[in-house]
Structures are given as C-alpha cells and as structure tokens.
Amino acid sequence: MDVVIDGTEFHAQVEIRYLPAPDQWFVSIWDHSTSELLVNMIPLICSCGEPNDLLYPFRHLREGKGLGSLFCLRGSEEPTTPDPAEKNLTDFLLLWSDTYD
C-alpha cells in the first residue's frame, strides 16, 4: 500500500493478525521498499476518551520521518469488548494518518 505520511510517500506492507490466547488483534508494518520490519505485533488498543496514538513510540523510525499516527476507535456506540476481539473487529475503526501532536 502506498500512503503519504506528513508529506512523504511511504510504501508500506501492513499485516493485521488475530491471536486467540489473548483474544486480541495485532498490527505489524514493513517498509515495502526495503523489506524492513518497522512495527512488530503491536496490540490494537482502543482510544476511549483521550487519543491513544499506537505509533507514537515509533516516531524515530525512517530517519526521523516516523510512521504517522494510528488510532483504534470505536465504530459503534457500545462494542461488546473494550478493544477489538475475535468476533467484533468490525465494531472498531482504524485511522492511520499524518502525525498527530
């Protein structure tokens, strides 16, 4: 997938994977042009109230260009679990955008 993050083009490969033991979804991101794994299996934790930028700890990557911001948001008023689980991933939204300060 080609995205533009903070005005810089980024060729990314994104994998979202479910693990049954914690009943949780995880995301990994590779730089497709270099095959470098940048983010490995970070849990999709919902932003309830205050924004929770899941990519904040990775702002130093790509020579300081970072990866932008990723938020997991409620897509419905009352999902059955606080964070995405096996049967309700579609109750949440993933928002990947420019870096949120």
Protein backbone atom coordinates (compact mmCIF):
# COMPACT_ATOMS: atom_id res chain seq x y z
CA MET A 1 0.00 0.00 0.00
CA ASP A 2 1.27 3.46 -0.85
CA VAL A 3 0.49 6.18 1.66
CA VAL A 4 1.66 9.74 2.18
CA ILE A 5 2.65 10.43 5.77
CA ASP A 6 3.38 14.04 6.70
CA GLY A 7 4.01 14.84 3.03
CA THR A 8 6.43 11.94 2.46
CA GLU A 9 5.50 8.91 0.35
CA PHE A 10 5.75 5.61 2.19
CA HIS A 11 5.41 2.15 0.60
CA ALA A 12 4.06 0.01 3.42
CA GLN A 13 3.05 -3.57 3.91
CA VAL A 14 0.56 -3.91 6.76
CA GLU A 15 -0.50 -7.13 8.47
CA ILE A 16 -3.31 -7.37 11.00
CA ARG A 17 -3.28 -10.66 12.86
CA TYR A 18 -5.55 -12.21 15.48
CA LEU A 19 -4.11 -14.27 18.37
CA PRO A 20 -6.65 -16.41 20.25
CA ALA A 21 -4.82 -16.72 23.59
CA PRO A 22 -5.12 -13.02 24.49
CA ASP A 23 -8.25 -12.68 22.25
CA GLN A 24 -6.65 -9.65 20.64
CA TRP A 25 -5.69 -8.21 17.25
CA PHE A 26 -2.14 -7.02 16.45
CA VAL A 27 -0.64 -4.94 13.66
CA SER A 28 2.78 -5.16 12.01
CA ILE A 29 4.18 -2.71 9.45
CA TRP A 30 7.03 -3.24 6.98
CA ASP A 31 8.77 -0.75 4.74
CA HIS A 32 7.88 -2.44 1.45
CA SER A 33 10.73 -0.79 -0.46
CA THR A 34 13.41 -2.16 1.93
CA SER A 35 11.55 -5.17 3.43
CA GLU A 36 12.46 -3.82 6.89
CA LEU A 37 10.07 -4.74 9.70
CA LEU A 38 9.31 -1.44 11.43
CA VAL A 39 6.50 -2.34 13.83
CA ASN A 40 6.09 -5.88 15.11
CA MET A 41 2.79 -7.06 16.56
CA ILE A 42 1.57 -4.02 18.49
CA PRO A 43 -1.85 -4.64 20.07
CA LEU A 44 -4.87 -2.78 18.74
CA ILE A 45 -5.95 -0.92 21.87
CA CYS A 46 -8.99 1.32 21.55
CA SER A 47 -8.80 5.07 22.12
CA CYS A 48 -11.58 5.82 24.58
CA GLY A 49 -11.61 9.45 25.64
CA GLU A 50 -8.02 10.63 25.16
CA PRO A 51 -6.35 9.75 21.83
CA ASN A 52 -4.02 6.77 22.04
CA ASP A 53 -1.52 7.01 19.17
CA LEU A 54 -0.34 3.43 18.72
CA LEU A 55 2.58 4.56 16.51
CA TYR A 56 3.85 7.27 18.88
CA PRO A 57 6.79 5.12 20.14
CA PHE A 58 7.98 4.71 16.52
CA ARG A 59 8.42 8.39 15.58
CA HIS A 60 12.19 7.96 15.38
CA LEU A 61 11.96 5.44 12.53
CA ARG A 62 12.55 6.13 8.83
CA GLU A 63 15.33 8.64 9.62
CA GLY A 64 13.03 10.63 11.89
CA LYS A 65 10.14 10.75 9.42
CA GLY A 66 8.14 8.35 11.58
CA LEU A 67 5.11 6.35 10.53
CA GLY A 68 2.38 8.87 11.22
CA SER A 69 -0.30 8.15 13.80
CA LEU A 70 -2.54 5.11 14.19
CA PHE A 71 -5.69 5.12 16.29
CA CYS A 72 -8.14 2.34 17.05
CA LEU A 73 -11.56 3.94 17.59
CA ARG A 74 -15.00 2.66 18.48
CA GLY A 75 -17.07 2.27 15.35
CA SER A 76 -20.24 1.56 17.27
CA GLU A 77 -21.67 3.11 20.43
CA GLU A 78 -21.17 0.06 22.62
CA PRO A 79 -18.89 -2.69 21.32
CA THR A 80 -19.06 -5.98 23.22
CA THR A 81 -15.42 -5.64 24.36
CA PRO A 82 -13.28 -2.56 25.15
CA ASP A 83 -10.72 -3.50 22.47
CA PRO A 84 -11.12 -5.47 19.22
CA ALA A 85 -11.59 -9.18 19.90
CA GLU A 86 -12.18 -12.24 17.72
CA LYS A 87 -15.80 -11.60 16.78
CA ASN A 88 -16.04 -7.80 16.83
CA LEU A 89 -13.17 -6.28 14.85
CA THR A 90 -15.73 -4.62 12.58
CA ASP A 91 -17.11 -2.70 15.60
CA PHE A 92 -13.90 -0.62 15.55
CA LEU A 93 -12.21 1.74 13.11
CA LEU A 94 -8.50 2.03 12.37
CA LEU A 95 -7.39 5.52 11.47
CA TRP A 96 -3.88 5.89 10.04
CA SER A 97 -2.99 9.48 9.31
CA ASP A 98 -0.34 12.17 9.46
CA THR A 99 1.43 12.54 12.78
CA TYR A 100 -0.94 13.77 15.47
CA ASP A 101 0.66 16.11 18.00
